[in-house]
Amino acid sequence: VGTPVGTLSGRMRMLCVDDTYRLLSQTLRERGNWSVTNWNRFSRKDRRGAVKPPAGASFDAATVRLPPTKAAFAMAAVAVAARLRAGGVAWIYGADREGIRGCETDGLPDGLFEDVRVVHASSGGASGGGG
């Protein structure tokens, strides 16, 4: 959850997509050297959703909660890619019951990302898988 190894001093910019309860973004702010911007695509009773990430500077990294459909995943990934700086990193995460183990990145447009990582979470922690 900390700042990536080899980064410059100062706060890194993170885009957190669909972190509904802000559990991940709060942890990144408290334990890491991250300046976090949340983008929730869907409205809830206590907050409005938005069709695109907030305007502004590019991000060093992004986390995306796995959406329920492949089309929603592709749309979120394209929006994230447009806001990442060159060399930025995107992490896709979710629970087994949400289909994270079956998450396929091959449906994404060619050249969208150089490297996408899918994180598998369990009660024992997280393990990564490349894609």
N, C-alpha and C. Protein backbone atom coordinates (compact mmCIF):
# COMPACT_ATOMS: atom_id res chain seq x y z
N VAL A 1 0.82 -1.19 0.00
CA VAL A 1 0.00 0.00 0.00
C VAL A 1 0.87 1.25 0.00
N GLY A 2 2.15 1.10 0.18
CA GLY A 2 3.05 2.25 0.21
C GLY A 2 3.34 2.79 -1.17
N THR A 3 4.23 3.75 -1.21
CA THR A 3 4.66 4.34 -2.47
C THR A 3 5.53 3.36 -3.23
N PRO A 4 5.35 3.23 -4.54
CA PRO A 4 6.15 2.30 -5.32
C PRO A 4 7.65 2.57 -5.17
N VAL A 5 8.42 1.50 -5.17
CA VAL A 5 9.87 1.60 -5.06
C VAL A 5 10.40 2.37 -6.27
N GLY A 6 11.36 3.24 -6.02
CA GLY A 6 12.01 3.96 -7.11
C GLY A 6 11.29 5.22 -7.55
N THR A 7 10.26 5.64 -6.82
CA THR A 7 9.56 6.86 -7.22
C THR A 7 10.24 8.07 -6.62
N LEU A 8 9.95 9.21 -7.17
CA LEU A 8 10.50 10.46 -6.67
C LEU A 8 9.87 10.79 -5.33
N SER A 9 10.56 11.62 -4.56
CA SER A 9 9.96 12.05 -3.30
C SER A 9 8.76 12.93 -3.61
N GLY A 10 7.85 13.02 -2.67
CA GLY A 10 6.64 13.78 -2.88
C GLY A 10 5.45 12.85 -3.03
N ARG A 11 4.29 13.43 -3.04
CA ARG A 11 3.07 12.62 -3.10
C ARG A 11 2.79 12.16 -4.53
N MET A 12 2.46 10.89 -4.64
CA MET A 12 2.08 10.31 -5.92
C MET A 12 0.57 10.45 -6.06
N ARG A 13 0.09 10.56 -7.30
CA ARG A 13 -1.35 10.72 -7.56
C ARG A 13 -1.97 9.38 -7.95
N MET A 14 -3.03 8.98 -7.22
CA MET A 14 -3.72 7.71 -7.43
C MET A 14 -5.18 7.98 -7.76
N LEU A 15 -5.70 7.31 -8.79
CA LEU A 15 -7.12 7.34 -9.12
C LEU A 15 -7.72 6.03 -8.63
N CYS A 16 -8.70 6.11 -7.73
CA CYS A 16 -9.39 4.92 -7.22
C CYS A 16 -10.79 4.88 -7.84
N VAL A 17 -11.03 3.84 -8.64
CA VAL A 17 -12.30 3.71 -9.36
C VAL A 17 -13.22 2.74 -8.62
N ASP A 18 -14.42 3.23 -8.31
CA ASP A 18 -15.48 2.44 -7.67
C ASP A 18 -15.07 1.86 -6.32
N ASP A 19 -14.32 2.62 -5.55
CA ASP A 19 -14.00 2.28 -4.16
C ASP A 19 -15.16 2.79 -3.32
N THR A 20 -16.30 2.11 -3.42
CA THR A 20 -17.58 2.58 -2.90
C THR A 20 -17.52 3.04 -1.45
N TYR A 21 -16.90 2.26 -0.60
CA TYR A 21 -16.87 2.60 0.82
C TYR A 21 -15.58 3.30 1.22
N ARG A 22 -14.74 3.62 0.24
CA ARG A 22 -13.48 4.35 0.42
C ARG A 22 -12.50 3.63 1.34
N LEU A 23 -12.59 2.32 1.42
CA LEU A 23 -11.68 1.56 2.28
C LEU A 23 -10.27 1.56 1.72
N LEU A 24 -10.13 1.35 0.42
CA LEU A 24 -8.81 1.35 -0.20
C LEU A 24 -8.22 2.75 -0.24
N SER A 25 -9.01 3.72 -0.68
CA SER A 25 -8.48 5.08 -0.80
C SER A 25 -8.08 5.66 0.55
N GLN A 26 -8.82 5.36 1.59
CA GLN A 26 -8.47 5.84 2.92
C GLN A 26 -7.15 5.22 3.38
N THR A 27 -6.96 3.94 3.13
CA THR A 27 -5.71 3.27 3.50
C THR A 27 -4.53 3.84 2.72
N LEU A 28 -4.72 4.10 1.43
CA LEU A 28 -3.65 4.68 0.62
C LEU A 28 -3.24 6.06 1.14
N ARG A 29 -4.21 6.84 1.56
CA ARG A 29 -3.92 8.17 2.10
C ARG A 29 -3.17 8.07 3.43
N GLU A 30 -3.61 7.15 4.29
CA GLU A 30 -3.05 7.06 5.64
C GLU A 30 -1.69 6.38 5.69
N ARG A 31 -1.50 5.33 4.90
CA ARG A 31 -0.28 4.53 5.00
C ARG A 31 0.71 4.76 3.87
N GLY A 32 0.25 5.30 2.80
CA GLY A 32 1.13 5.51 1.66
C GLY A 32 1.37 6.99 1.43
N ASN A 33 2.15 7.28 0.47
CA ASN A 33 2.43 8.67 0.11
C ASN A 33 1.58 9.04 -1.10
N TRP A 34 0.28 8.77 -1.01
CA TRP A 34 -0.61 8.95 -2.15
C TRP A 34 -1.56 10.12 -1.96
N SER A 35 -1.74 10.88 -3.00
CA SER A 35 -2.81 11.85 -3.10
C SER A 35 -3.89 11.15 -3.92
N VAL A 36 -5.02 10.83 -3.29
CA VAL A 36 -6.03 9.97 -3.91
C VAL A 36 -7.22 10.77 -4.41
N THR A 37 -7.63 10.47 -5.63
CA THR A 37 -8.86 11.00 -6.22
C THR A 37 -9.79 9.83 -6.46
N ASN A 38 -11.03 9.93 -5.96
CA ASN A 38 -12.01 8.86 -6.17
C ASN A 38 -12.87 9.16 -7.38
N TRP A 39 -13.17 8.11 -8.13
CA TRP A 39 -14.13 8.19 -9.23
C TRP A 39 -15.12 7.05 -9.05
N ASN A 40 -16.33 7.39 -8.65
CA ASN A 40 -17.40 6.41 -8.53
C ASN A 40 -18.32 6.57 -9.72
N ARG A 41 -18.44 5.51 -10.50
CA ARG A 41 -19.23 5.59 -11.72
C ARG A 41 -20.72 5.53 -11.45
N PHE A 42 -21.12 5.06 -10.28
CA PHE A 42 -22.53 4.91 -9.97
C PHE A 42 -22.90 5.75 -8.75
N SER A 43 -24.12 6.30 -8.79
CA SER A 43 -24.61 7.10 -7.66
C SER A 43 -25.06 6.18 -6.53
N ARG A 44 -24.93 6.70 -5.33
CA ARG A 44 -25.46 6.07 -4.13
C ARG A 44 -26.25 7.15 -3.41
N LYS A 45 -26.96 6.76 -2.37
CA LYS A 45 -27.76 7.79 -1.70
C LYS A 45 -26.92 8.91 -1.10
N ASP A 46 -25.65 8.62 -0.76
CA ASP A 46 -24.82 9.66 -0.14
C ASP A 46 -23.82 10.31 -1.09
N ARG A 47 -23.76 9.86 -2.35
CA ARG A 47 -22.81 10.50 -3.29
C ARG A 47 -23.25 10.26 -4.73
N ARG A 48 -22.92 11.24 -5.56
CA ARG A 48 -23.29 11.17 -6.97
C ARG A 48 -22.21 10.46 -7.77
N GLY A 49 -22.63 9.68 -8.74
CA GLY A 49 -21.69 9.05 -9.65
C GLY A 49 -21.33 10.01 -10.77
N ALA A 50 -20.33 9.64 -11.54
CA ALA A 50 -19.88 10.47 -12.66
C ALA A 50 -19.53 9.57 -13.83
N VAL A 51 -19.77 10.04 -15.05
CA VAL A 51 -19.51 9.23 -16.24
C VAL A 51 -18.04 9.16 -16.61
N LYS A 52 -17.23 10.07 -16.07
CA LYS A 52 -15.80 10.05 -16.37
C LYS A 52 -15.02 10.51 -15.13
N PRO A 53 -13.73 10.21 -15.08
CA PRO A 53 -12.92 10.65 -13.94
C PRO A 53 -12.87 12.18 -13.87
N PRO A 54 -12.66 12.73 -12.68
CA PRO A 54 -12.55 14.18 -12.55
C PRO A 54 -11.44 14.74 -13.44
N ALA A 55 -11.67 15.92 -13.98
CA ALA A 55 -10.66 16.57 -14.82
C ALA A 55 -9.48 17.01 -13.97
N GLY A 56 -8.34 17.13 -14.60
CA GLY A 56 -7.16 17.60 -13.89
C GLY A 56 -5.92 16.91 -14.40
N ALA A 57 -4.90 16.94 -13.59
CA ALA A 57 -3.60 16.36 -13.96
C ALA A 57 -3.71 14.84 -14.11
N SER A 58 -2.72 14.27 -14.76
CA SER A 58 -2.70 12.81 -14.93
C SER A 58 -2.32 12.13 -13.62
N PHE A 59 -2.55 10.83 -13.57
CA PHE A 59 -2.30 10.04 -12.37
C PHE A 59 -1.09 9.14 -12.57
N ASP A 60 -0.41 8.84 -11.47
CA ASP A 60 0.74 7.94 -11.48
C ASP A 60 0.29 6.48 -11.47
N ALA A 61 -0.89 6.23 -10.89
CA ALA A 61 -1.40 4.87 -10.77
C ALA A 61 -2.91 4.92 -10.60
N ALA A 62 -3.55 3.76 -10.79
CA ALA A 62 -4.99 3.67 -10.62
C ALA A 62 -5.35 2.29 -10.09
N THR A 63 -6.41 2.24 -9.30
CA THR A 63 -7.01 0.97 -8.89
C THR A 63 -8.42 0.95 -9.43
N VAL A 64 -8.87 -0.20 -9.90
CA VAL A 64 -10.21 -0.34 -10.45
C VAL A 64 -10.88 -1.54 -9.80
N ARG A 65 -12.00 -1.31 -9.11
CA ARG A 65 -12.80 -2.42 -8.59
C ARG A 65 -13.44 -3.09 -9.80
N LEU A 66 -13.28 -4.40 -9.93
CA LEU A 66 -13.78 -5.12 -11.09
C LEU A 66 -15.27 -4.88 -11.28
N PRO A 67 -15.67 -4.31 -12.42
CA PRO A 67 -17.09 -4.10 -12.70
C PRO A 67 -17.78 -5.44 -13.00
N PRO A 68 -19.12 -5.46 -12.96
CA PRO A 68 -19.85 -6.71 -13.14
C PRO A 68 -19.88 -7.25 -14.57
N THR A 69 -19.60 -6.42 -15.57
CA THR A 69 -19.65 -6.91 -16.96
C THR A 69 -18.35 -6.58 -17.68
N LYS A 70 -18.08 -7.34 -18.75
CA LYS A 70 -16.88 -7.09 -19.55
C LYS A 70 -16.92 -5.72 -20.21
N ALA A 71 -18.11 -5.31 -20.66
CA ALA A 71 -18.24 -4.00 -21.30
C ALA A 71 -17.95 -2.87 -20.31
N ALA A 72 -18.46 -3.01 -19.09
CA ALA A 72 -18.20 -1.98 -18.07
C ALA A 72 -16.72 -1.95 -17.71
N PHE A 73 -16.08 -3.12 -17.68
CA PHE A 73 -14.65 -3.20 -17.40
C PHE A 73 -13.85 -2.50 -18.49
N ALA A 74 -14.20 -2.77 -19.75
CA ALA A 74 -13.49 -2.14 -20.87
C ALA A 74 -13.67 -0.62 -20.84
N MET A 75 -14.88 -0.15 -20.55
CA MET A 75 -15.13 1.29 -20.50
C MET A 75 -14.32 1.94 -19.39
N ALA A 76 -14.31 1.33 -18.20
CA ALA A 76 -13.54 1.89 -17.09
C ALA A 76 -12.05 1.88 -17.41
N ALA A 77 -11.58 0.81 -18.03
CA ALA A 77 -10.15 0.69 -18.36
C ALA A 77 -9.72 1.76 -19.37
N VAL A 78 -10.56 2.03 -20.36
CA VAL A 78 -10.24 3.06 -21.35
C VAL A 78 -10.18 4.44 -20.68
N ALA A 79 -11.15 4.72 -19.80
CA ALA A 79 -11.15 6.01 -19.10
C ALA A 79 -9.92 6.14 -18.20
N VAL A 80 -9.54 5.06 -17.53
CA VAL A 80 -8.35 5.08 -16.67
C VAL A 80 -7.10 5.30 -17.51
N ALA A 81 -6.98 4.57 -18.61
CA ALA A 81 -5.79 4.68 -19.47
C ALA A 81 -5.61 6.11 -19.97
N ALA A 82 -6.71 6.78 -20.25
CA ALA A 82 -6.64 8.16 -20.74
C ALA A 82 -6.13 9.12 -19.69
N ARG A 83 -6.23 8.75 -18.42
CA ARG A 83 -5.82 9.65 -17.34
C ARG A 83 -4.50 9.28 -16.69
N LEU A 84 -3.92 8.11 -17.06
CA LEU A 84 -2.62 7.71 -16.50
C LEU A 84 -1.49 8.39 -17.25
N ARG A 85 -0.46 8.77 -16.52
CA ARG A 85 0.75 9.30 -17.16
C ARG A 85 1.45 8.15 -17.87
N ALA A 86 2.34 8.45 -18.78
CA ALA A 86 3.13 7.41 -19.45
C ALA A 86 3.89 6.62 -18.39
N GLY A 87 3.81 5.31 -18.46
CA GLY A 87 4.47 4.46 -17.48
C GLY A 87 3.66 4.24 -16.21
N GLY A 88 2.46 4.80 -16.15
CA GLY A 88 1.60 4.62 -14.98
C GLY A 88 1.13 3.18 -14.85
N VAL A 89 0.67 2.82 -13.68
CA VAL A 89 0.26 1.45 -13.38
C VAL A 89 -1.21 1.41 -13.03
N ALA A 90 -1.93 0.39 -13.52
CA ALA A 90 -3.33 0.17 -13.15
C ALA A 90 -3.45 -1.19 -12.48
N TRP A 91 -4.15 -1.22 -11.34
CA TRP A 91 -4.44 -2.47 -10.65
C TRP A 91 -5.94 -2.71 -10.69
N ILE A 92 -6.35 -3.91 -11.10
CA ILE A 92 -7.75 -4.33 -11.09
C ILE A 92 -7.90 -5.25 -9.90
N TYR A 93 -8.92 -5.04 -9.08
CA TYR A 93 -9.07 -5.89 -7.89
C TYR A 93 -10.53 -6.23 -7.65
N GLY A 94 -10.76 -7.27 -6.87
CA GLY A 94 -12.10 -7.69 -6.52
C GLY A 94 -12.05 -9.02 -5.79
N ALA A 95 -13.21 -9.50 -5.41
CA ALA A 95 -13.32 -10.76 -4.67
C ALA A 95 -13.60 -11.91 -5.64
N ASP A 96 -13.35 -13.13 -5.16
CA ASP A 96 -13.64 -14.31 -5.97
C ASP A 96 -15.09 -14.33 -6.43
N ARG A 97 -16.02 -14.01 -5.52
CA ARG A 97 -17.45 -14.07 -5.86
C ARG A 97 -17.83 -13.03 -6.91
N GLU A 98 -16.98 -12.02 -7.09
CA GLU A 98 -17.20 -11.00 -8.11
C GLU A 98 -16.58 -11.38 -9.45
N GLY A 99 -15.85 -12.51 -9.47
CA GLY A 99 -15.28 -12.99 -10.71
C GLY A 99 -13.86 -12.57 -11.00
N ILE A 100 -13.13 -12.13 -9.98
CA ILE A 100 -11.78 -11.62 -10.23
C ILE A 100 -10.86 -12.69 -10.81
N ARG A 101 -11.02 -13.94 -10.39
CA ARG A 101 -10.14 -15.00 -10.91
C ARG A 101 -10.38 -15.25 -12.39
N GLY A 102 -11.55 -14.93 -12.87
CA GLY A 102 -11.85 -15.11 -14.29
C GLY A 102 -11.73 -13.83 -15.10
N CYS A 103 -11.24 -12.78 -14.46
CA CYS A 103 -11.11 -11.49 -15.14
C CYS A 103 -10.19 -11.64 -16.34
N GLU A 104 -10.68 -11.22 -17.47
CA GLU A 104 -9.89 -11.33 -18.70
C GLU A 104 -9.53 -9.94 -19.19
N THR A 105 -8.24 -9.75 -19.41
CA THR A 105 -7.79 -8.47 -19.95
C THR A 105 -7.64 -8.53 -21.46
N ASP A 106 -7.85 -9.72 -22.05
CA ASP A 106 -7.68 -9.82 -23.50
C ASP A 106 -8.81 -9.15 -24.27
N GLY A 107 -9.88 -8.75 -23.60
CA GLY A 107 -10.97 -8.04 -24.26
C GLY A 107 -10.74 -6.54 -24.33
N LEU A 108 -9.64 -6.09 -23.75
CA LEU A 108 -9.33 -4.66 -23.78
C LEU A 108 -8.74 -4.27 -25.13
N PRO A 109 -8.94 -3.04 -25.57
CA PRO A 109 -8.36 -2.60 -26.84
C PRO A 109 -6.84 -2.78 -26.86
N ASP A 110 -6.31 -3.19 -28.00
CA ASP A 110 -4.86 -3.38 -28.14
C ASP A 110 -4.11 -2.09 -27.83
N GLY A 111 -3.01 -2.23 -27.11
CA GLY A 111 -2.16 -1.09 -26.81
C GLY A 111 -2.67 -0.19 -25.71
N LEU A 112 -3.78 -0.56 -25.07
CA LEU A 112 -4.36 0.29 -24.02
C LEU A 112 -3.41 0.41 -22.83
N PHE A 113 -2.86 -0.73 -22.41
CA PHE A 113 -1.91 -0.77 -21.29
C PHE A 113 -0.72 -1.61 -21.69
N GLU A 114 0.42 -1.24 -21.18
CA GLU A 114 1.61 -2.06 -21.36
C GLU A 114 1.57 -3.21 -20.37
N ASP A 115 1.03 -2.96 -19.18
CA ASP A 115 1.01 -3.96 -18.12
C ASP A 115 -0.21 -3.73 -17.24
N VAL A 116 -1.08 -4.74 -17.09
CA VAL A 116 -2.23 -4.68 -16.19
C VAL A 116 -2.09 -5.82 -15.21
N ARG A 117 -2.29 -5.54 -13.93
CA ARG A 117 -2.20 -6.59 -12.91
C ARG A 117 -3.56 -6.82 -12.28
N VAL A 118 -3.94 -8.08 -12.17
CA VAL A 118 -5.18 -8.47 -11.51
C VAL A 118 -4.80 -9.02 -10.15
N VAL A 119 -5.37 -8.46 -9.08
CA VAL A 119 -5.04 -8.86 -7.72
C VAL A 119 -6.14 -9.77 -7.19
N HIS A 120 -5.74 -10.94 -6.70
CA HIS A 120 -6.68 -11.89 -6.12
C HIS A 120 -6.62 -11.73 -4.61
N ALA A 121 -7.72 -11.37 -3.99
CA ALA A 121 -7.75 -11.19 -2.53
C ALA A 121 -8.39 -12.41 -1.88
N SER A 122 -7.86 -12.78 -0.73
CA SER A 122 -8.44 -13.86 0.06
C SER A 122 -8.32 -13.47 1.52
N SER A 123 -8.84 -14.31 2.40
CA SER A 123 -8.77 -14.00 3.83
C SER A 123 -7.32 -13.96 4.32
N GLY A 124 -6.41 -14.59 3.57
CA GLY A 124 -5.01 -14.61 3.96
C GLY A 124 -4.20 -13.48 3.38
N GLY A 125 -4.81 -12.60 2.60
CA GLY A 125 -4.07 -11.49 2.00
C GLY A 125 -4.31 -11.46 0.51
N ALA A 126 -3.43 -10.79 -0.20
CA ALA A 126 -3.59 -10.63 -1.64
C ALA A 126 -2.44 -11.30 -2.36
N SER A 127 -2.76 -11.84 -3.51
CA SER A 127 -1.71 -12.39 -4.37
C SER A 127 -1.94 -11.83 -5.75
N GLY A 128 -0.89 -11.58 -6.47
CA GLY A 128 -1.02 -10.94 -7.78
C GLY A 128 -0.94 -11.92 -8.91
N GLY A 129 -1.49 -11.51 -10.01
CA GLY A 129 -1.39 -12.26 -11.24
C GLY A 129 -1.14 -11.29 -12.36
N GLY A 130 -0.30 -11.62 -13.26
CA GLY A 130 0.01 -10.70 -14.37
C GLY A 130 -0.96 -10.89 -15.50
N GLY A 131 -1.00 -9.90 -16.39
CA GLY A 131 -1.90 -10.03 -17.52
C GLY A 131 -1.56 -9.09 -18.59
